[in-house]
Amino acid sequence: MANKELFNIGKRTKQGIRNAKESGRYLGRTLFGYKNVIDGTKRNLIEIDKPRTLIVEHIFKDYIAGLPQYIIYKNAKAMGCTLTGKSTIQSILQNCVYVGLIKVPALGELPEKYVKGLHDPIISDTEFWLVQNMLATAKRRTRVQPAEDFPLRGVLKCWRGKSMTAGWSKGRKKGT
């Protein structure tokens, strides 16, 4: 009996989350470029955070201009981006919330879908979908990103035609 009730609670929770997302609400931790606000009905909503919005817009414009992601990351850090990690720029570029959409996950027989969010978008639809197409084609032709410490990384080829990489040794004598 208790196990069945736990199963029902989980099912109702998942359905409630899906209903909230279908109504256009963003659930979870606030994204970079937005801030949490509570409206008159005590529901959490997200609102544009102006200084950070400029950084997000700059990230999208730099990617459309053809800059590599490691340079975009360096520029965003210089502008005041507080996010860290290798996939920071990638996750910002792929997130549909920045265009004003909410991704509603599939549940049972109900399919996954995108709905218009209650929040304001930071970038335009055309910019977002252009970036998505660029990311899809870039994924097909993966290449090694050069680094400041190793400028020939990904440029040099071995005798079999494969790209060579570089990195600091992790053996006994670090840095050799």
N, C-alpha and C. Protein backbone atom coordinates (compact mmCIF):
# COMPACT_ATOMS: atom_id res chain seq x y z
N MET A 1 0.81 -1.19 0.00
CA MET A 1 0.00 0.00 0.00
C MET A 1 0.87 1.27 0.00
N ALA A 2 1.86 1.30 0.88
CA ALA A 2 2.73 2.47 0.99
C ALA A 2 3.54 2.65 -0.29
N ASN A 3 3.99 1.54 -0.87
CA ASN A 3 4.77 1.60 -2.11
C ASN A 3 3.93 2.16 -3.25
N LYS A 4 2.67 1.76 -3.32
CA LYS A 4 1.79 2.28 -4.36
C LYS A 4 1.55 3.77 -4.18
N GLU A 5 1.42 4.22 -2.93
CA GLU A 5 1.24 5.65 -2.66
C GLU A 5 2.48 6.44 -3.05
N LEU A 6 3.67 5.90 -2.78
CA LEU A 6 4.91 6.57 -3.21
C LEU A 6 4.97 6.69 -4.72
N PHE A 7 4.55 5.64 -5.40
CA PHE A 7 4.52 5.65 -6.86
C PHE A 7 3.56 6.74 -7.36
N ASN A 8 2.40 6.84 -6.75
CA ASN A 8 1.40 7.85 -7.15
C ASN A 8 1.90 9.27 -6.87
N ILE A 9 2.59 9.47 -5.74
CA ILE A 9 3.14 10.79 -5.43
C ILE A 9 4.16 11.20 -6.49
N GLY A 10 5.02 10.28 -6.86
CA GLY A 10 6.02 10.57 -7.90
C GLY A 10 5.37 10.89 -9.23
N LYS A 11 4.32 10.15 -9.55
CA LYS A 11 3.60 10.38 -10.81
C LYS A 11 2.93 11.75 -10.83
N ARG A 12 2.29 12.13 -9.70
CA ARG A 12 1.64 13.43 -9.61
C ARG A 12 2.67 14.57 -9.65
N THR A 13 3.82 14.35 -9.03
CA THR A 13 4.88 15.37 -9.04
C THR A 13 5.37 15.61 -10.46
N LYS A 14 5.65 14.55 -11.19
CA LYS A 14 6.11 14.68 -12.58
C LYS A 14 5.06 15.39 -13.43
N GLN A 15 3.80 15.04 -13.22
CA GLN A 15 2.72 15.68 -13.98
C GLN A 15 2.60 17.16 -13.61
N GLY A 16 2.78 17.48 -12.33
CA GLY A 16 2.72 18.87 -11.90
C GLY A 16 3.85 19.70 -12.50
N ILE A 17 5.05 19.13 -12.57
CA ILE A 17 6.18 19.81 -13.19
C ILE A 17 5.90 20.03 -14.66
N ARG A 18 5.37 19.03 -15.33
CA ARG A 18 5.05 19.17 -16.75
C ARG A 18 3.99 20.24 -16.96
N ASN A 19 2.98 20.27 -16.11
CA ASN A 19 1.92 21.29 -16.24
C ASN A 19 2.47 22.70 -16.05
N ALA A 20 3.36 22.86 -15.07
CA ALA A 20 3.97 24.18 -14.84
C ALA A 20 4.79 24.62 -16.05
N LYS A 21 5.55 23.69 -16.61
CA LYS A 21 6.35 24.02 -17.79
C LYS A 21 5.47 24.30 -18.99
N GLU A 22 4.38 23.57 -19.15
CA GLU A 22 3.46 23.82 -20.26
C GLU A 22 2.81 25.19 -20.14
N SER A 23 2.67 25.69 -18.94
CA SER A 23 2.10 27.03 -18.77
C SER A 23 3.15 28.12 -18.98
N GLY A 24 4.41 27.72 -19.25
CA GLY A 24 5.45 28.70 -19.58
C GLY A 24 6.34 29.09 -18.43
N ARG A 25 6.24 28.42 -17.31
CA ARG A 25 7.09 28.76 -16.15
C ARG A 25 8.43 28.05 -16.25
N TYR A 26 9.49 28.76 -15.87
CA TYR A 26 10.82 28.16 -15.81
C TYR A 26 11.03 27.64 -14.40
N LEU A 27 11.38 26.38 -14.27
CA LEU A 27 11.60 25.77 -12.96
C LEU A 27 13.09 25.46 -12.81
N GLY A 28 13.59 25.64 -11.63
CA GLY A 28 14.98 25.32 -11.38
C GLY A 28 15.81 26.56 -11.10
N ARG A 29 17.12 26.33 -11.03
CA ARG A 29 18.05 27.41 -10.73
C ARG A 29 18.07 28.42 -11.86
N THR A 30 18.15 29.68 -11.54
CA THR A 30 18.13 30.73 -12.54
C THR A 30 19.34 30.64 -13.44
N LEU A 31 19.13 30.89 -14.72
CA LEU A 31 20.21 30.88 -15.70
C LEU A 31 20.99 32.18 -15.65
N PHE A 32 22.21 32.14 -16.16
CA PHE A 32 23.03 33.34 -16.26
C PHE A 32 22.32 34.30 -17.22
N GLY A 33 22.11 35.53 -16.79
CA GLY A 33 21.40 36.52 -17.59
C GLY A 33 20.00 36.78 -17.08
N TYR A 34 19.54 35.97 -16.14
CA TYR A 34 18.22 36.14 -15.54
C TYR A 34 18.36 36.18 -14.02
N LYS A 35 17.31 36.63 -13.34
CA LYS A 35 17.27 36.59 -11.88
C LYS A 35 15.88 36.15 -11.44
N ASN A 36 15.80 35.54 -10.28
CA ASN A 36 14.52 35.08 -9.74
C ASN A 36 13.73 36.25 -9.15
N VAL A 37 12.43 36.25 -9.41
CA VAL A 37 11.52 37.20 -8.79
C VAL A 37 10.27 36.44 -8.37
N ILE A 38 9.58 36.96 -7.37
CA ILE A 38 8.33 36.35 -6.93
C ILE A 38 7.21 37.33 -7.24
N ASP A 39 6.22 36.86 -8.01
CA ASP A 39 5.11 37.75 -8.37
C ASP A 39 4.08 37.79 -7.23
N GLY A 40 2.98 38.48 -7.45
CA GLY A 40 1.95 38.65 -6.43
C GLY A 40 1.30 37.36 -5.99
N THR A 41 1.33 36.32 -6.82
CA THR A 41 0.72 35.04 -6.46
C THR A 41 1.72 34.11 -5.79
N LYS A 42 2.88 34.64 -5.41
CA LYS A 42 3.94 33.89 -4.74
C LYS A 42 4.48 32.76 -5.61
N ARG A 43 4.49 32.96 -6.92
CA ARG A 43 5.09 31.99 -7.82
C ARG A 43 6.43 32.54 -8.29
N ASN A 44 7.40 31.66 -8.35
CA ASN A 44 8.72 32.06 -8.81
C ASN A 44 8.70 32.27 -10.32
N LEU A 45 9.23 33.38 -10.75
CA LEU A 45 9.39 33.69 -12.16
C LEU A 45 10.82 34.15 -12.39
N ILE A 46 11.24 34.23 -13.65
CA ILE A 46 12.55 34.77 -13.93
C ILE A 46 12.41 36.06 -14.71
N GLU A 47 13.35 36.96 -14.48
CA GLU A 47 13.33 38.28 -15.08
C GLU A 47 14.74 38.59 -15.59
N ILE A 48 14.83 39.38 -16.63
CA ILE A 48 16.12 39.71 -17.23
C ILE A 48 16.98 40.50 -16.26
N ASP A 49 18.26 40.11 -16.16
CA ASP A 49 19.27 40.83 -15.37
C ASP A 49 20.13 41.60 -16.36
N LYS A 50 19.89 42.90 -16.49
CA LYS A 50 20.47 43.74 -17.56
C LYS A 50 21.98 43.60 -17.76
N PRO A 51 22.82 43.74 -16.72
CA PRO A 51 24.27 43.66 -16.97
C PRO A 51 24.70 42.31 -17.54
N ARG A 52 24.11 41.24 -17.05
CA ARG A 52 24.47 39.91 -17.53
C ARG A 52 23.88 39.62 -18.91
N THR A 53 22.78 40.27 -19.23
CA THR A 53 22.15 40.10 -20.54
C THR A 53 23.11 40.52 -21.65
N LEU A 54 23.84 41.59 -21.42
CA LEU A 54 24.79 42.06 -22.42
C LEU A 54 25.86 41.02 -22.70
N ILE A 55 26.28 40.28 -21.67
CA ILE A 55 27.28 39.24 -21.85
C ILE A 55 26.72 38.10 -22.69
N VAL A 56 25.47 37.69 -22.40
CA VAL A 56 24.84 36.60 -23.17
C VAL A 56 24.68 37.01 -24.63
N GLU A 57 24.23 38.23 -24.89
CA GLU A 57 24.09 38.71 -26.27
C GLU A 57 25.45 38.71 -26.97
N HIS A 58 26.48 39.12 -26.25
CA HIS A 58 27.83 39.15 -26.82
C HIS A 58 28.31 37.74 -27.17
N ILE A 59 27.99 36.77 -26.33
CA ILE A 59 28.38 35.37 -26.57
C ILE A 59 27.75 34.88 -27.88
N PHE A 60 26.46 35.14 -28.07
CA PHE A 60 25.79 34.70 -29.30
C PHE A 60 26.35 35.42 -30.53
N LYS A 61 26.58 36.71 -30.43
CA LYS A 61 27.10 37.48 -31.57
C LYS A 61 28.52 37.04 -31.93
N ASP A 62 29.36 36.76 -30.93
CA ASP A 62 30.72 36.29 -31.19
C ASP A 62 30.70 34.93 -31.86
N TYR A 63 29.79 34.05 -31.43
CA TYR A 63 29.73 32.72 -32.05
C TYR A 63 29.26 32.81 -33.50
N ILE A 64 28.28 33.66 -33.74
CA ILE A 64 27.80 33.86 -35.11
C ILE A 64 28.91 34.45 -35.98
N ALA A 65 29.76 35.30 -35.38
CA ALA A 65 30.88 35.89 -36.11
C ALA A 65 31.98 34.88 -36.42
N GLY A 66 31.92 33.70 -35.82
CA GLY A 66 32.88 32.65 -36.13
C GLY A 66 34.03 32.51 -35.16
N LEU A 67 33.96 33.17 -34.01
CA LEU A 67 35.04 33.04 -33.02
C LEU A 67 34.97 31.67 -32.35
N PRO A 68 36.13 31.07 -32.06
CA PRO A 68 36.13 29.79 -31.32
C PRO A 68 35.61 29.98 -29.90
N GLN A 69 35.08 28.92 -29.33
CA GLN A 69 34.44 29.01 -28.03
C GLN A 69 35.42 29.38 -26.92
N TYR A 70 36.68 28.97 -27.01
CA TYR A 70 37.62 29.32 -25.95
C TYR A 70 37.92 30.82 -25.93
N ILE A 71 37.89 31.47 -27.09
CA ILE A 71 38.08 32.92 -27.15
C ILE A 71 36.82 33.63 -26.65
N ILE A 72 35.65 33.10 -27.02
CA ILE A 72 34.39 33.67 -26.52
C ILE A 72 34.35 33.60 -25.00
N TYR A 73 34.80 32.47 -24.45
CA TYR A 73 34.83 32.29 -22.99
C TYR A 73 35.76 33.32 -22.35
N LYS A 74 36.92 33.51 -22.95
CA LYS A 74 37.88 34.48 -22.40
C LYS A 74 37.29 35.90 -22.44
N ASN A 75 36.63 36.25 -23.55
CA ASN A 75 36.00 37.57 -23.66
C ASN A 75 34.86 37.74 -22.65
N ALA A 76 34.07 36.68 -22.46
CA ALA A 76 32.96 36.74 -21.49
C ALA A 76 33.50 36.90 -20.08
N LYS A 77 34.57 36.22 -19.75
CA LYS A 77 35.19 36.37 -18.43
C LYS A 77 35.66 37.80 -18.22
N ALA A 78 36.25 38.39 -19.27
CA ALA A 78 36.73 39.77 -19.17
C ALA A 78 35.56 40.75 -18.98
N MET A 79 34.38 40.40 -19.50
CA MET A 79 33.21 41.26 -19.36
C MET A 79 32.52 41.09 -18.00
N GLY A 80 32.89 40.03 -17.26
CA GLY A 80 32.30 39.82 -15.95
C GLY A 80 31.49 38.55 -15.80
N CYS A 81 31.62 37.60 -16.70
CA CYS A 81 30.90 36.33 -16.60
C CYS A 81 31.44 35.56 -15.40
N THR A 82 30.56 35.09 -14.55
CA THR A 82 30.97 34.39 -13.34
C THR A 82 30.90 32.87 -13.48
N LEU A 83 30.46 32.37 -14.62
CA LEU A 83 30.34 30.93 -14.82
C LEU A 83 31.71 30.34 -15.11
N THR A 84 31.93 29.12 -14.67
CA THR A 84 33.19 28.44 -14.93
C THR A 84 32.92 27.07 -15.54
N GLY A 85 33.91 26.51 -16.18
CA GLY A 85 33.79 25.18 -16.74
C GLY A 85 34.01 25.18 -18.25
N LYS A 86 34.40 24.02 -18.76
CA LYS A 86 34.73 23.90 -20.17
C LYS A 86 33.50 24.01 -21.08
N SER A 87 32.35 23.65 -20.57
CA SER A 87 31.16 23.63 -21.41
C SER A 87 30.24 24.84 -21.17
N THR A 88 30.74 25.87 -20.53
CA THR A 88 29.93 27.05 -20.21
C THR A 88 29.32 27.67 -21.45
N ILE A 89 30.15 27.98 -22.44
CA ILE A 89 29.67 28.65 -23.65
C ILE A 89 28.72 27.73 -24.40
N GLN A 90 29.07 26.46 -24.50
CA GLN A 90 28.23 25.48 -25.20
C GLN A 90 26.84 25.41 -24.57
N SER A 91 26.77 25.37 -23.24
CA SER A 91 25.46 25.26 -22.58
C SER A 91 24.63 26.53 -22.74
N ILE A 92 25.29 27.69 -22.76
CA ILE A 92 24.55 28.93 -23.00
C ILE A 92 24.00 28.94 -24.42
N LEU A 93 24.83 28.55 -25.39
CA LEU A 93 24.41 28.58 -26.79
C LEU A 93 23.28 27.60 -27.08
N GLN A 94 23.21 26.50 -26.36
CA GLN A 94 22.19 25.48 -26.63
C GLN A 94 20.90 25.66 -25.85
N ASN A 95 20.86 26.59 -24.90
CA ASN A 95 19.70 26.71 -24.02
C ASN A 95 18.59 27.54 -24.67
N CYS A 96 17.43 26.91 -24.82
CA CYS A 96 16.29 27.56 -25.49
C CYS A 96 15.62 28.62 -24.61
N VAL A 97 15.94 28.69 -23.34
CA VAL A 97 15.34 29.69 -22.45
C VAL A 97 15.73 31.09 -22.90
N TYR A 98 16.95 31.24 -23.45
CA TYR A 98 17.42 32.56 -23.87
C TYR A 98 16.61 33.13 -25.03
N VAL A 99 15.86 32.29 -25.74
CA VAL A 99 15.03 32.76 -26.84
C VAL A 99 13.56 32.86 -26.41
N GLY A 100 13.29 32.58 -25.13
CA GLY A 100 11.93 32.72 -24.60
C GLY A 100 11.12 31.45 -24.66
N LEU A 101 11.77 30.30 -24.82
CA LEU A 101 11.07 29.02 -24.89
C LEU A 101 11.36 28.19 -23.65
N ILE A 102 10.43 27.30 -23.33
CA ILE A 102 10.60 26.33 -22.26
C ILE A 102 10.49 24.94 -22.88
N LYS A 103 11.45 24.09 -22.57
CA LYS A 103 11.43 22.72 -23.07
C LYS A 103 10.63 21.86 -22.10
N VAL A 104 9.54 21.27 -22.60
CA VAL A 104 8.69 20.40 -21.79
C VAL A 104 9.08 18.96 -22.12
N PRO A 105 9.61 18.21 -21.14
CA PRO A 105 10.06 16.85 -21.43
C PRO A 105 8.90 15.90 -21.70
N ALA A 106 9.22 14.82 -22.38
CA ALA A 106 8.22 13.78 -22.65
C ALA A 106 7.81 13.14 -21.33
N LEU A 107 6.56 12.74 -21.24
CA LEU A 107 6.05 12.05 -20.06
C LEU A 107 5.06 11.00 -20.51
N GLY A 108 5.41 9.75 -20.31
CA GLY A 108 4.55 8.67 -20.76
C GLY A 108 4.39 8.71 -22.27
N GLU A 109 3.15 8.83 -22.73
CA GLU A 109 2.88 8.91 -24.16
C GLU A 109 2.90 10.34 -24.68
N LEU A 110 2.99 11.32 -23.80
CA LEU A 110 3.03 12.72 -24.22
C LEU A 110 4.43 13.04 -24.75
N PRO A 111 4.51 13.64 -25.93
CA PRO A 111 5.83 13.91 -26.53
C PRO A 111 6.51 15.14 -25.93
N GLU A 112 7.82 15.23 -26.17
CA GLU A 112 8.57 16.42 -25.79
C GLU A 112 8.15 17.57 -26.69
N LYS A 113 8.11 18.79 -26.11
CA LYS A 113 7.72 19.95 -26.92
C LYS A 113 8.31 21.22 -26.33
N TYR A 114 8.24 22.29 -27.10
CA TYR A 114 8.69 23.61 -26.67
C TYR A 114 7.48 24.53 -26.59
N VAL A 115 7.38 25.30 -25.51
CA VAL A 115 6.29 26.26 -25.35
C VAL A 115 6.87 27.64 -25.08
N LYS A 116 6.09 28.67 -25.37
CA LYS A 116 6.54 30.04 -25.11
C LYS A 116 6.52 30.28 -23.60
N GLY A 117 7.64 30.78 -23.08
CA GLY A 117 7.78 31.02 -21.65
C GLY A 117 7.13 32.32 -21.22
N LEU A 118 6.94 32.46 -19.92
CA LEU A 118 6.38 33.68 -19.35
C LEU A 118 7.44 34.78 -19.24
N HIS A 119 8.70 34.43 -19.44
CA HIS A 119 9.80 35.39 -19.32
C HIS A 119 10.11 36.02 -20.68
N ASP A 120 10.83 37.14 -20.63
CA ASP A 120 11.24 37.83 -21.85
C ASP A 120 12.49 37.17 -22.42
N PRO A 121 12.58 37.08 -23.75
CA PRO A 121 13.78 36.51 -24.36
C PRO A 121 14.95 37.51 -24.34
N ILE A 122 16.15 36.98 -24.39
CA ILE A 122 17.35 37.82 -24.46
C ILE A 122 17.80 37.97 -25.91
N ILE A 123 17.66 36.89 -26.68
CA ILE A 123 18.09 36.94 -28.08
C ILE A 123 16.90 36.63 -29.00
N SER A 124 17.08 36.91 -30.28
CA SER A 124 15.99 36.70 -31.24
C SER A 124 15.94 35.25 -31.71
N ASP A 125 14.78 34.87 -32.25
CA ASP A 125 14.60 33.52 -32.79
C ASP A 125 15.62 33.22 -33.89
N THR A 126 15.81 34.17 -34.79
CA THR A 126 16.71 33.93 -35.93
C THR A 126 18.13 33.69 -35.46
N GLU A 127 18.60 34.47 -34.47
CA GLU A 127 19.95 34.26 -33.95
C GLU A 127 20.07 32.88 -33.30
N PHE A 128 19.08 32.51 -32.49
CA PHE A 128 19.14 31.23 -31.79
C PHE A 128 19.19 30.06 -32.76
N TRP A 129 18.30 30.05 -33.75
CA TRP A 129 18.25 28.91 -34.66
C TRP A 129 19.46 28.91 -35.61
N LEU A 130 20.01 30.06 -35.92
CA LEU A 130 21.24 30.11 -36.69
C LEU A 130 22.38 29.47 -35.90
N VAL A 131 22.47 29.79 -34.62
CA VAL A 131 23.50 29.19 -33.76
C VAL A 131 23.29 27.68 -33.64
N GLN A 132 22.03 27.23 -33.54
CA GLN A 132 21.77 25.79 -33.44
C GLN A 132 22.25 25.06 -34.70
N ASN A 133 22.02 25.66 -35.87
CA ASN A 133 22.50 25.06 -37.12
C ASN A 133 24.02 25.05 -37.16
N MET A 134 24.64 26.14 -36.71
CA MET A 134 26.10 26.21 -36.69
C MET A 134 26.68 25.17 -35.72
N LEU A 135 26.04 24.98 -34.57
CA LEU A 135 26.50 23.96 -33.62
C LEU A 135 26.36 22.56 -34.18
N ALA A 136 25.28 22.31 -34.90
CA ALA A 136 25.06 20.98 -35.49
C ALA A 136 26.12 20.67 -36.53
N THR A 137 26.46 21.64 -37.37
CA THR A 137 27.50 21.39 -38.38
C THR A 137 28.88 21.32 -37.73
N ALA A 138 29.12 22.08 -36.66
CA ALA A 138 30.41 22.02 -35.96
C ALA A 138 30.58 20.69 -35.25
N LYS A 139 29.47 20.10 -34.79
CA LYS A 139 29.55 18.81 -34.11
C LYS A 139 30.00 17.72 -35.08
N ARG A 140 29.59 17.84 -36.34
CA ARG A 140 29.99 16.85 -37.35
C ARG A 140 31.48 16.93 -37.66
N ARG A 141 32.05 18.13 -37.58
CA ARG A 141 33.47 18.28 -37.89
C ARG A 141 34.21 18.74 -36.63
N THR A 142 34.32 17.84 -35.66
CA THR A 142 34.99 18.21 -34.42
C THR A 142 36.46 18.46 -34.69
N ARG A 143 37.00 19.46 -34.01
CA ARG A 143 38.41 19.74 -34.14
C ARG A 143 38.93 20.16 -32.77
N VAL A 144 40.21 19.97 -32.60
CA VAL A 144 40.84 20.30 -31.34
C VAL A 144 41.03 21.81 -31.27
N GLN A 145 40.69 22.39 -30.15
CA GLN A 145 40.85 23.83 -29.95
C GLN A 145 42.30 24.11 -29.53
N PRO A 146 42.97 25.06 -30.19
CA PRO A 146 44.31 25.41 -29.74
C PRO A 146 44.27 26.08 -28.37
N ALA A 147 45.37 26.01 -27.68
CA ALA A 147 45.46 26.64 -26.37
C ALA A 147 46.64 27.60 -26.37
N GLU A 148 46.63 28.56 -25.46
CA GLU A 148 47.72 29.53 -25.40
C GLU A 148 49.05 28.85 -25.09
N ASP A 149 49.04 27.86 -24.22
CA ASP A 149 50.26 27.16 -23.86
C ASP A 149 50.79 26.27 -24.99
N PHE A 150 49.90 25.82 -25.87
CA PHE A 150 50.27 24.90 -26.95
C PHE A 150 49.67 25.41 -28.26
N PRO A 151 50.31 26.38 -28.90
CA PRO A 151 49.72 27.00 -30.10
C PRO A 151 49.62 26.06 -31.30
N LEU A 152 50.38 24.98 -31.35
CA LEU A 152 50.31 24.06 -32.49
C LEU A 152 49.39 22.88 -32.24
N ARG A 153 48.71 22.88 -31.11
CA ARG A 153 47.77 21.81 -30.79
C ARG A 153 46.67 21.78 -31.83
N GLY A 154 46.45 20.63 -32.44
CA GLY A 154 45.40 20.47 -33.45
C GLY A 154 45.84 20.88 -34.83
N VAL A 155 47.00 21.54 -34.95
CA VAL A 155 47.50 21.97 -36.25
C VAL A 155 48.45 20.92 -36.83
N LEU A 156 49.35 20.41 -35.98
CA LEU A 156 50.30 19.39 -36.41
C LEU A 156 49.59 18.07 -36.64
N LYS A 157 50.05 17.33 -37.63
CA LYS A 157 49.48 16.02 -37.95
C LYS A 157 50.56 14.95 -37.80
N CYS A 158 50.18 13.78 -37.37
CA CYS A 158 51.13 12.68 -37.29
C CYS A 158 51.24 12.04 -38.68
N TRP A 159 52.09 11.02 -38.84
CA TRP A 159 52.32 10.41 -40.13
C TRP A 159 51.07 9.72 -40.68
N ARG A 160 50.07 9.43 -39.82
CA ARG A 160 48.82 8.82 -40.29
C ARG A 160 47.76 9.85 -40.62
N GLY A 161 48.07 11.14 -40.44
CA GLY A 161 47.12 12.20 -40.78
C GLY A 161 46.20 12.62 -39.65
N LYS A 162 46.41 12.08 -38.47
CA LYS A 162 45.58 12.42 -37.31
C LYS A 162 46.13 13.68 -36.65
N SER A 163 45.25 14.50 -36.07
CA SER A 163 45.68 15.70 -35.36
C SER A 163 46.41 15.32 -34.09
N MET A 164 47.52 16.01 -33.85
CA MET A 164 48.28 15.77 -32.62
C MET A 164 47.77 16.73 -31.55
N THR A 165 47.88 16.29 -30.32
CA THR A 165 47.43 17.11 -29.21
C THR A 165 48.61 17.36 -28.28
N ALA A 166 48.41 18.13 -27.28
CA ALA A 166 49.47 18.44 -26.32
C ALA A 166 48.87 18.63 -24.95
N GLY A 167 49.69 18.47 -23.96
CA GLY A 167 49.24 18.68 -22.59
C GLY A 167 50.41 18.56 -21.66
N TRP A 168 50.24 19.08 -20.46
CA TRP A 168 51.29 18.97 -19.47
C TRP A 168 51.34 17.56 -18.95
N SER A 169 52.54 17.06 -18.70
CA SER A 169 52.74 15.72 -18.20
C SER A 169 52.10 15.59 -16.82
N LYS A 170 51.56 14.42 -16.55
CA LYS A 170 50.97 14.19 -15.25
C LYS A 170 51.76 13.12 -14.51
N GLY A 171 52.99 12.93 -14.95
CA GLY A 171 53.86 11.92 -14.31
C GLY A 171 54.51 12.46 -13.06
N ARG A 172 55.66 11.90 -12.71
CA ARG A 172 56.36 12.29 -11.50
C ARG A 172 56.88 13.70 -11.57
N LYS A 173 57.39 14.10 -12.73
CA LYS A 173 57.95 15.43 -12.90
C LYS A 173 56.91 16.30 -13.58
N LYS A 174 56.09 16.94 -12.82
CA LYS A 174 55.00 17.75 -13.37
C LYS A 174 55.55 18.92 -14.17
N GLY A 175 54.91 19.19 -15.31
CA GLY A 175 55.29 20.33 -16.12
C GLY A 175 56.39 20.04 -17.11
N THR A 176 56.73 18.77 -17.31
CA THR A 176 57.77 18.45 -18.30
C THR A 176 57.19 17.71 -19.47
